[in-house]
C-alpha atoms as a PDB file:
ATOM      1  CA  MET A   1     121.965 120.226-137.646  1.00  0.00           C
ATOM      2  CA  ILE A   2     122.658 119.658-133.971  1.00  0.00           C
ATOM      3  CA  ARG A   3     119.417 121.436-133.088  1.00  0.00           C
ATOM      4  CA  GLU A   4     117.483 119.151-135.452  1.00  0.00           C
ATOM      5  CA  ARG A   5     119.045 116.048-133.876  1.00  0.00           C
ATOM      6  CA  ILE A   6     118.205 117.291-130.372  1.00  0.00           C
ATOM      7  CA  ARG A   7     114.649 118.013-131.496  1.00  0.00           C
ATOM      8  CA  THR A   8     114.363 114.497-132.981  1.00  0.00           C
ATOM      9  CA  TRP A   9     115.748 112.919-129.803  1.00  0.00           C
ATOM     10  CA  LEU A  10     113.241 114.886-127.685  1.00  0.00           C
ATOM     11  CA  ILE A  11     110.310 113.799-129.854  1.00  0.00           C
ATOM     12  CA  LEU A  12     111.442 110.179-129.689  1.00  0.00           C
ATOM     13  CA  ALA A  13     111.824 110.424-125.917  1.00  0.00           C
ATOM     14  CA  VAL A  14     108.326 111.827-125.525  1.00  0.00           C
ATOM     15  CA  PHE A  15     106.862 109.053-127.700  1.00  0.00           C
ATOM     16  CA  THR A  16     108.773 106.459-125.672  1.00  0.00           C
ATOM     17  CA  ILE A  17     107.393 107.843-122.411  1.00  0.00           C
ATOM     18  CA  LEU A  18     103.834 107.924-123.772  1.00  0.00           C
ATOM     19  CA  GLU A  19     104.074 104.383-125.141  1.00  0.00           C
ATOM     20  CA  THR A  20     105.454 103.112-121.839  1.00  0.00           C
ATOM     21  CA  ALA A  21     102.631 104.780-119.925  1.00  0.00           C
ATOM     22  CA  ALA A  22     100.019 103.384-122.328  1.00  0.00           C
ATOM     23  CA  PHE A  23     101.508  99.897-122.031  1.00  0.00           C
ATOM     24  CA  ALA A  24     101.500 100.135-118.229  1.00  0.00           C
ATOM     25  CA  SER A  25      97.893 101.294-118.279  1.00  0.00           C
ATOM     26  CA  CYS A  26      96.852  98.430-120.562  1.00  0.00           C
ATOM     27  CA  ALA A  27      98.793  95.957-118.466  1.00  0.00           C
ATOM     28  CA  SER A  28      97.040  97.245-115.354  1.00  0.00           C
ATOM     29  CA  GLU A  29      93.628  96.943-117.010  1.00  0.00           C
ATOM     30  CA  ASP A  30      94.469  93.459-118.294  1.00  0.00           C
ATOM     31  CA  SER A  31      95.560  92.337-114.838  1.00  0.00           C
ATOM     32  CA  ILE A  32      92.243  93.536-113.417  1.00  0.00           C
ATOM     33  CA  SER A  33      90.229  91.869-116.164  1.00  0.00           C
ATOM     34  CA  VAL A  34      91.804  88.474-115.579  1.00  0.00           C
ATOM     35  CA  GLN A  35      91.475  88.592-111.818  1.00  0.00           C
ATOM     36  CA  PRO A  36      88.757  86.327-110.352  1.00  0.00           C
ATOM     37  CA  THR A  37      85.370  87.974-109.906  1.00  0.00           C
ATOM     38  CA  ILE A  38      85.500  87.823-106.126  1.00  0.00           C
ATOM     39  CA  GLU A  39      88.839  89.626-106.051  1.00  0.00           C
ATOM     40  CA  ARG A  40      87.470  92.404-108.265  1.00  0.00           C
ATOM     41  CA  ILE A  41      84.420  92.775-106.022  1.00  0.00           C
ATOM     42  CA  LYS A  42      86.589  93.002-102.916  1.00  0.00           C
ATOM     43  CA  GLN A  43      88.843  95.587-104.527  1.00  0.00           C
ATOM     44  CA  ARG A  44      85.755  97.605-105.457  1.00  0.00           C
ATOM     45  CA  GLY A  45      84.424  97.317-101.901  1.00  0.00           C
ATOM     46  CA  LYS A  46      80.861  96.606-103.013  1.00  0.00           C
ATOM     47  CA  ILE A  47      78.914  93.995-104.917  1.00  0.00           C
ATOM     48  CA  LEU A  48      76.572  95.155-107.683  1.00  0.00           C
ATOM     49  CA  ILE A  49      73.304  93.226-107.603  1.00  0.00           C
ATOM     50  CA  GLY A  50      70.630  93.421-110.278  1.00  0.00           C
ATOM     51  CA  THR A  51      67.036  93.096-109.079  1.00  0.00           C
ATOM     52  CA  THR A  52      63.614  93.931-110.525  1.00  0.00           C
ATOM     53  CA  GLY A  53      62.192  95.444-107.348  1.00  0.00           C
ATOM     54  CA  ASP A  54      58.619  94.527-108.360  1.00  0.00           C
ATOM     55  CA  TYR A  55      58.096  91.081-106.861  1.00  0.00           C
ATOM     56  CA  LYS A  56      56.798  91.105-103.290  1.00  0.00           C
ATOM     57  CA  PRO A  57      57.914  89.628-100.971  1.00  0.00           C
ATOM     58  CA  LEU A  58      61.157  88.638-102.731  1.00  0.00           C
ATOM     59  CA  THR A  59      62.314  92.003-104.029  1.00  0.00           C
ATOM     60  CA  PHE A  60      60.626  95.374-103.814  1.00  0.00           C
ATOM     61  CA  HIS A  61      61.856  98.906-104.427  1.00  0.00           C
ATOM     62  CA  GLU A  62      60.111 101.502-102.284  1.00  0.00           C
ATOM     63  CA  PRO A  63      59.561 105.072-103.534  1.00  0.00           C
ATOM     64  CA  ASP A  64      62.165 106.304-101.028  1.00  0.00           C
ATOM     65  CA  GLY A  65      64.813 104.188-102.772  1.00  0.00           C
ATOM     66  CA  THR A  66      65.077 101.365-100.230  1.00  0.00           C
ATOM     67  CA  TYR A  67      64.824  97.690-101.149  1.00  0.00           C
ATOM     68  CA  TRP A  68      63.321  94.887 -99.079  1.00  0.00           C
ATOM     69  CA  GLY A  69      62.403  91.234 -99.483  1.00  0.00           C
ATOM     70  CA  PHE A  70      63.575  87.655 -99.161  1.00  0.00           C
ATOM     71  CA  GLY A  71      65.942  87.954-102.127  1.00  0.00           C
ATOM     72  CA  ILE A  72      67.258  91.269-100.860  1.00  0.00           C
ATOM     73  CA  GLU A  73      68.204  89.680 -97.550  1.00  0.00           C
ATOM     74  CA  MET A  74      69.884  86.834 -99.425  1.00  0.00           C
ATOM     75  CA  ALA A  75      71.900  89.435-101.352  1.00  0.00           C
ATOM     76  CA  GLU A  76      72.878  91.150 -98.123  1.00  0.00           C
ATOM     77  CA  LYS A  77      74.054  87.822 -96.668  1.00  0.00           C
ATOM     78  CA  ILE A  78      76.247  87.217 -99.716  1.00  0.00           C
ATOM     79  CA  ALA A  79      77.730  90.716 -99.386  1.00  0.00           C
ATOM     80  CA  GLU A  80      78.274  90.303 -95.659  1.00  0.00           C
ATOM     81  CA  ARG A  81      80.236  87.080 -96.147  1.00  0.00           C
ATOM     82  CA  LEU A  82      82.294  88.741 -98.874  1.00  0.00           C
ATOM     83  CA  GLY A  83      83.039  91.647 -96.528  1.00  0.00           C
ATOM     84  CA  VAL A  84      81.627  94.293 -98.893  1.00  0.00           C
ATOM     85  CA  THR A  85      78.559  96.514 -99.151  1.00  0.00           C
ATOM     86  CA  VAL A  86      75.652  96.133-101.605  1.00  0.00           C
ATOM     87  CA  LEU A  87      74.640  98.412-104.448  1.00  0.00           C
ATOM     88  CA  PHE A  88      71.330  97.386-106.020  1.00  0.00           C
ATOM     89  CA  VAL A  89      71.019  97.971-109.765  1.00  0.00           C
ATOM     90  CA  PRO A  90      67.516  98.108-111.328  1.00  0.00           C
ATOM     91  CA  THR A  91      66.692  95.563-114.020  1.00  0.00           C
ATOM     92  CA  SER A  92      63.421  94.224-115.446  1.00  0.00           C
ATOM     93  CA  TRP A  93      61.965  90.888-116.519  1.00  0.00           C
ATOM     94  CA  PRO A  94      61.990  91.742-120.249  1.00  0.00           C
ATOM     95  CA  THR A  95      65.625  92.909-120.106  1.00  0.00           C
ATOM     96  CA  LEU A  96      67.001  90.537-117.463  1.00  0.00           C
ATOM     97  CA  THR A  97      69.013  88.291-119.786  1.00  0.00           C
ATOM     98  CA  ALA A  98      70.337  91.211-121.837  1.00  0.00           C
ATOM     99  CA  ASP A  99      71.321  93.046-118.651  1.00  0.00           C
ATOM    100  CA  VAL A 100      73.188  90.021-117.275  1.00  0.00           C
ATOM    101  CA  LEU A 101      75.110  89.658-120.550  1.00  0.00           C
ATOM    102  CA  ALA A 102      75.606  93.400-121.198  1.00  0.00           C
ATOM    103  CA  GLU A 103      78.972  94.904-122.077  1.00  0.00           C
ATOM    104  CA  PRO A 104      80.236  96.695-120.105  1.00  0.00           C
ATOM    105  CA  GLN A 105      78.939  94.569-117.241  1.00  0.00           C
ATOM    106  CA  LEU A 106      76.041  96.166-115.352  1.00  0.00           C
ATOM    107  CA  PHE A 107      76.116  94.030-112.206  1.00  0.00           C
ATOM    108  CA  ASP A 108      77.853  91.010-110.691  1.00  0.00           C
ATOM    109  CA  LEU A 109      74.736  88.883-110.192  1.00  0.00           C
ATOM    110  CA  ALA A 110      70.941  89.093-110.258  1.00  0.00           C
ATOM    111  CA  ILE A 111      68.588  87.975-107.502  1.00  0.00           C
ATOM    112  CA  GLY A 112      64.942  88.066-106.478  1.00  0.00           C
ATOM    113  CA  GLY A 113      62.344  85.613-107.802  1.00  0.00           C
ATOM    114  CA  ILE A 114      64.482  84.249-110.658  1.00  0.00           C
ATOM    115  CA  THR A 115      63.448  80.711-111.565  1.00  0.00           C
ATOM    116  CA  ILE A 116      66.161  78.189-112.426  1.00  0.00           C
ATOM    117  CA  THR A 117      65.582  76.966-115.995  1.00  0.00           C
ATOM    118  CA  ASP A 118      67.548  74.951-118.534  1.00  0.00           C
ATOM    119  CA  ALA A 119      67.270  77.838-120.997  1.00  0.00           C
ATOM    120  CA  ARG A 120      68.960  80.221-118.589  1.00  0.00           C
ATOM    121  CA  ARG A 121      71.660  77.681-117.785  1.00  0.00           C
ATOM    122  CA  GLU A 122      72.519  77.378-121.475  1.00  0.00           C
ATOM    123  CA  THR A 123      73.724  80.981-121.681  1.00  0.00           C
ATOM    124  CA  MET A 124      74.333  81.975-118.050  1.00  0.00           C
ATOM    125  CA  LEU A 125      75.243  80.560-114.653  1.00  0.00           C
ATOM    126  CA  MET A 126      72.612  79.773-112.016  1.00  0.00           C
ATOM    127  CA  SER A 127      73.179  78.883-108.393  1.00  0.00           C
ATOM    128  CA  GLU A 128      71.671  76.025-106.470  1.00  0.00           C
ATOM    129  CA  GLY A 129      68.032  76.605-105.542  1.00  0.00           C
ATOM    130  CA  TYR A 130      67.245  78.303-102.251  1.00  0.00           C
ATOM    131  CA  LEU A 131      63.435  78.528-102.447  1.00  0.00           C
ATOM    132  CA  ALA A 132      60.787  76.221-103.930  1.00  0.00           C
ATOM    133  CA  ASN A 133      58.504  77.795-106.517  1.00  0.00           C
ATOM    134  CA  GLY A 134      55.727  77.032-108.994  1.00  0.00           C
ATOM    135  CA  LYS A 135      53.053  78.684-111.129  1.00  0.00           C
ATOM    136  CA  THR A 136      49.670  79.394-109.577  1.00  0.00           C
ATOM    137  CA  ILE A 137      46.938  82.036-109.760  1.00  0.00           C
ATOM    138  CA  LEU A 138      45.420  84.960-107.912  1.00  0.00           C
ATOM    139  CA  CYS A 139      41.744  85.755-108.342  1.00  0.00           C
ATOM    140  CA  ARG A 140      38.909  87.456-106.461  1.00  0.00           C
ATOM    141  CA  VAL A 141      37.579  85.614-103.409  1.00  0.00           C
ATOM    142  CA  SER A 142      34.078  85.747-104.856  1.00  0.00           C
ATOM    143  CA  GLU A 143      35.208  83.706-107.886  1.00  0.00           C
ATOM    144  CA  ALA A 144      37.688  81.328-106.276  1.00  0.00           C
ATOM    145  CA  GLU A 145      35.361  78.341-106.673  1.00  0.00           C
ATOM    146  CA  ASN A 146      35.328  78.870-110.441  1.00  0.00           C
ATOM    147  CA  TYR A 147      39.004  78.032-110.896  1.00  0.00           C
ATOM    148  CA  LYS A 148      40.031  74.480-110.059  1.00  0.00           C
ATOM    149  CA  SER A 149      42.205  73.713-113.103  1.00  0.00           C
ATOM    150  CA  LEU A 150      43.858  75.255-116.147  1.00  0.00           C
ATOM    151  CA  ALA A 151      40.822  74.233-118.175  1.00  0.00           C
ATOM    152  CA  ASP A 152      38.633  76.442-115.991  1.00  0.00           C
ATOM    153  CA  ILE A 153      40.890  79.410-116.795  1.00  0.00           C
ATOM    154  CA  ASP A 154      41.449  78.685-120.487  1.00  0.00           C
ATOM    155  CA  LYS A 155      38.221  80.283-121.719  1.00  0.00           C
ATOM    156  CA  PRO A 156      37.709  83.416-123.844  1.00  0.00           C
ATOM    157  CA  GLU A 157      35.641  85.105-121.144  1.00  0.00           C
ATOM    158  CA  VAL A 158      38.432  84.760-118.566  1.00  0.00           C
ATOM    159  CA  ARG A 159      40.752  87.776-118.590  1.00  0.00           C
ATOM    160  CA  VAL A 160      44.248  86.686-117.542  1.00  0.00           C
ATOM    161  CA  MET A 161      46.730  89.409-116.627  1.00  0.00           C
ATOM    162  CA  VAL A 162      50.524  88.950-116.677  1.00  0.00           C
ATOM    163  CA  ASN A 163      53.635  91.119-116.558  1.00  0.00           C
ATOM    164  CA  PRO A 164      55.725  91.266-119.765  1.00  0.00           C
ATOM    165  CA  GLY A 165      58.907  89.453-120.627  1.00  0.00           C
ATOM    166  CA  GLY A 166      59.071  86.885-117.841  1.00  0.00           C
ATOM    167  CA  LEU A 167      58.037  83.281-117.297  1.00  0.00           C
ATOM    168  CA  ASN A 168      54.490  84.260-116.254  1.00  0.00           C
ATOM    169  CA  GLU A 169      53.746  85.646-119.713  1.00  0.00           C
ATOM    170  CA  LYS A 170      55.439  82.643-121.346  1.00  0.00           C
ATOM    171  CA  PHE A 171      53.375  80.222-119.253  1.00  0.00           C
ATOM    172  CA  ALA A 172      50.112  81.998-120.089  1.00  0.00           C
ATOM    173  CA  ASN A 173      50.831  82.066-123.818  1.00  0.00           C
ATOM    174  CA  GLU A 174      51.782  78.385-123.887  1.00  0.00           C
ATOM    175  CA  ASN A 175      49.033  77.018-121.639  1.00  0.00           C
ATOM    176  CA  LEU A 176      46.047  79.342-122.056  1.00  0.00           C
ATOM    177  CA  PRO A 177      45.512  79.722-125.829  1.00  0.00           C
ATOM    178  CA  HIS A 178      41.773  80.419-125.475  1.00  0.00           C
ATOM    179  CA  ALA A 179      41.859  82.850-122.551  1.00  0.00           C
ATOM    180  CA  THR A 180      42.027  86.605-123.039  1.00  0.00           C
ATOM    181  CA  ILE A 181      45.629  87.539-122.164  1.00  0.00           C
ATOM    182  CA  ILE A 182      46.245  91.075-120.910  1.00  0.00           C
ATOM    183  CA  VAL A 183      49.847  92.248-120.498  1.00  0.00           C
ATOM    184  CA  HIS A 184      50.353  94.885-117.823  1.00  0.00           C
ATOM    185  CA  GLN A 185      53.734  96.576-117.511  1.00  0.00           C
ATOM    186  CA  LYS A 186      54.029  96.751-113.712  1.00  0.00           C
ATOM    187  CA  ASN A 187      53.904  93.395-111.964  1.00  0.00           C
ATOM    188  CA  GLU A 188      53.251  94.890-108.513  1.00  0.00           C
ATOM    189  CA  GLU A 189      50.055  96.592-109.749  1.00  0.00           C
ATOM    190  CA  ILE A 190      48.378  93.447-111.103  1.00  0.00           C
ATOM    191  CA  PRO A 191      46.984  92.058-107.801  1.00  0.00           C
ATOM    192  CA  MET A 192      45.174  95.349-107.128  1.00  0.00           C
ATOM    193  CA  LEU A 193      43.792  95.363-110.689  1.00  0.00           C
ATOM    194  CA  ILE A 194      42.484  91.812-110.197  1.00  0.00           C
ATOM    195  CA  ALA A 195      40.850  92.833-106.912  1.00  0.00           C
ATOM    196  CA  GLU A 196      39.224  95.822-108.616  1.00  0.00           C
ATOM    197  CA  GLY A 197      37.876  93.736-111.487  1.00  0.00           C
ATOM    198  CA  GLN A 198      40.148  94.991-114.275  1.00  0.00           C
ATOM    199  CA  ALA A 199      41.000  91.331-114.982  1.00  0.00           C
ATOM    200  CA  ASP A 200      39.941  87.982-113.533  1.00  0.00           C
ATOM    201  CA  VAL A 201      43.110  85.950-112.975  1.00  0.00           C
ATOM    202  CA  MET A 202      46.767  86.747-112.419  1.00  0.00           C
ATOM    203  CA  ILE A 203      49.347  84.153-113.369  1.00  0.00           C
ATOM    204  CA  THR A 204      51.837  84.298-110.524  1.00  0.00           C
ATOM    205  CA  GLU A 205      53.904  81.988-108.328  1.00  0.00           C
ATOM    206  CA  ILE A 206      53.561  80.312-104.962  1.00  0.00           C
ATOM    207  CA  THR A 207      56.259  82.627-103.599  1.00  0.00           C
ATOM    208  CA  GLU A 208      54.259  85.739-104.493  1.00  0.00           C
ATOM    209  CA  ALA A 209      50.576  84.797-104.148  1.00  0.00           C
ATOM    210  CA  PRO A 210      50.437  84.325-100.320  1.00  0.00           C
ATOM    211  CA  TYR A 211      51.692  87.873 -99.706  1.00  0.00           C
ATOM    212  CA  TYR A 212      48.814  89.424-101.638  1.00  0.00           C
ATOM    213  CA  VAL A 213      46.223  87.090-100.107  1.00  0.00           C
ATOM    214  CA  GLN A 214      47.399  88.160 -96.656  1.00  0.00           C
ATOM    215  CA  THR A 215      47.468  91.873 -97.477  1.00  0.00           C
ATOM    216  CA  ASP A 216      44.238  92.156 -99.520  1.00  0.00           C
ATOM    217  CA  SER A 217      41.108  90.361 -98.264  1.00  0.00           C
ATOM    218  CA  ARG A 218      39.539  90.632-101.742  1.00  0.00           C
ATOM    219  CA  LEU A 219      42.071  88.168-103.201  1.00  0.00           C
ATOM    220  CA  ALA A 220      42.371  84.386-103.108  1.00  0.00           C
ATOM    221  CA  ALA A 221      44.860  81.782-104.340  1.00  0.00           C
ATOM    222  CA  PRO A 222      42.669  78.676-104.694  1.00  0.00           C
ATOM    223  CA  LEU A 223      45.389  76.540-106.307  1.00  0.00           C
ATOM    224  CA  LEU A 224      48.253  77.609-104.046  1.00  0.00           C
ATOM    225  CA  HIS A 225      48.931  74.056-102.844  1.00  0.00           C
ATOM    226  CA  GLU A 226      48.432  72.546-106.307  1.00  0.00           C
ATOM    227  CA  PRO A 227      50.845  74.571-108.482  1.00  0.00           C
ATOM    228  CA  PHE A 228      50.888  73.973-112.224  1.00  0.00           C
ATOM    229  CA  THR A 229      54.691  73.684-112.250  1.00  0.00           C
ATOM    230  CA  HIS A 230      57.459  72.858-109.794  1.00  0.00           C
ATOM    231  CA  SER A 231      60.779  74.711-109.791  1.00  0.00           C
ATOM    232  CA  GLU A 232      63.284  76.537-107.617  1.00  0.00           C
ATOM    233  CA  ILE A 233      64.518  80.094-107.340  1.00  0.00           C
ATOM    234  CA  GLY A 234      68.233  80.828-107.586  1.00  0.00           C
ATOM    235  CA  VAL A 235      70.890  83.459-108.251  1.00  0.00           C
ATOM    236  CA  LEU A 236      71.706  84.378-111.862  1.00  0.00           C
ATOM    237  CA  MET A 237      75.043  85.591-113.267  1.00  0.00           C
ATOM    238  CA  ARG A 238      77.083  85.615-116.474  1.00  0.00           C
ATOM    239  CA  LYS A 239      79.417  82.799-117.470  1.00  0.00           C
ATOM    240  CA  GLY A 240      83.080  83.203-116.601  1.00  0.00           C
ATOM    241  CA  GLN A 241      82.290  83.931-112.957  1.00  0.00           C
ATOM    242  CA  GLU A 242      82.624  80.397-111.676  1.00  0.00           C
ATOM    243  CA  ASP A 243      84.460  81.553-108.550  1.00  0.00           C
ATOM    244  CA  LEU A 244      81.499  83.767-107.615  1.00  0.00           C
ATOM    245  CA  LEU A 245      79.049  80.954-108.405  1.00  0.00           C
ATOM    246  CA  GLN A 246      80.939  78.599-106.127  1.00  0.00           C
ATOM    247  CA  PHE A 247      80.968  81.211-103.362  1.00  0.00           C
ATOM    248  CA  VAL A 248      77.210  81.861-103.684  1.00  0.00           C
ATOM    249  CA  ASN A 249      76.492  78.132-103.561  1.00  0.00           C
ATOM    250  CA  GLU A 250      78.603  77.850-100.415  1.00  0.00           C
ATOM    251  CA  VAL A 251      76.629  80.689 -98.813  1.00  0.00           C
ATOM    252  CA  ILE A 252      73.334  78.967 -99.685  1.00  0.00           C
ATOM    253  CA  ARG A 253      74.546  75.656 -98.241  1.00  0.00           C
ATOM    254  CA  GLN A 254      75.790  77.330 -95.077  1.00  0.00           C
ATOM    255  CA  MET A 255      72.488  79.197 -94.624  1.00  0.00           C
ATOM    256  CA  LYS A 256      70.653  75.888 -94.964  1.00  0.00           C
ATOM    257  CA  SER A 257      72.868  74.188 -92.388  1.00  0.00           C
ATOM    258  CA  ASP A 258      73.027  76.991 -89.789  1.00  0.00           C
ATOM    259  CA  GLY A 259      69.277  77.688 -89.818  1.00  0.00           C
ATOM    260  CA  SER A 260      69.450  81.237 -91.168  1.00  0.00           C
ATOM    261  CA  LEU A 261      67.617  80.258 -94.373  1.00  0.00           C
ATOM    262  CA  HIS A 262      64.881  78.639 -92.273  1.00  0.00           C
ATOM    263  CA  GLN A 263      64.554  81.926 -90.347  1.00  0.00           C
ATOM    264  CA  LEU A 264      63.975  83.763 -93.626  1.00  0.00           C
ATOM    265  CA  TYR A 265      61.322  81.213 -94.612  1.00  0.00           C
ATOM    266  CA  GLU A 266      59.500  81.878 -91.360  1.00  0.00           C
ATOM    267  CA  LYS A 267      59.882  85.648 -91.643  1.00  0.00           C
ATOM    268  CA  TYR A 268      58.307  85.770 -95.120  1.00  0.00           C
ATOM    269  CA  GLY A 269      55.781  82.963 -94.630  1.00  0.00           C
ATOM    270  CA  PHE A 270      57.362  80.353 -96.898  1.00  0.00           C
ATOM    271  CA  SER A 271      57.471  76.613 -96.393  1.00  0.00           C
ATOM    272  CA  GLU A 272      60.615  74.567 -96.902  1.00  0.00           C
END
């Protein structure tokens, strides 16, 4: 009888210890989950940044694993002012929204050619704009005189190439119902395909077109200074991270006031 009581007491003691440990673990996890985003990032020692890596000169992923671009340098500035390092996480235009909202969370914010839109602001947080943007086209130099308006492009014989899942495809589908739309998976390959004659026009943006005009003499951007739309590029993140949003906005404002954003404009050939 005594042995049975001792055995019962031991079992109860073990259960008590296990429950206490489980409670402490849950409490620790809960305390982390309710901490502000910035505090979690600092405790981690790095900020996780989603980027497509296919949008020169804002974000590009080289075969050796390195990233470069205007947006990449913006990300590095944010990390520097947080006092942490950067870990870039691949995302894509078709999966961008799902990746931002994914559970468990894939990254803290996304950057690199992301246009500020009302639709994105309905479900996510977007920073203040740090770079003007707008839809335009790339075409071959030999045909640049043919394209002076959307009407000139919106013809069945004009092959318009876009990357999938982003605003370029959306714009083409909404504004070019008569053109022949070709969806190509890799955005960074489209300018070369236009130059080689695989398509006639690329729907792109004023932040991207100048780079390809400068690096490939076969290409032109005849409507660069007359974009079809006017917008701004910003930083995207999930709701509930208002402290991080406020911090990012402060970094953008400071970069505007201290001239460092202007230096990036000059480095990448953008106008303010």
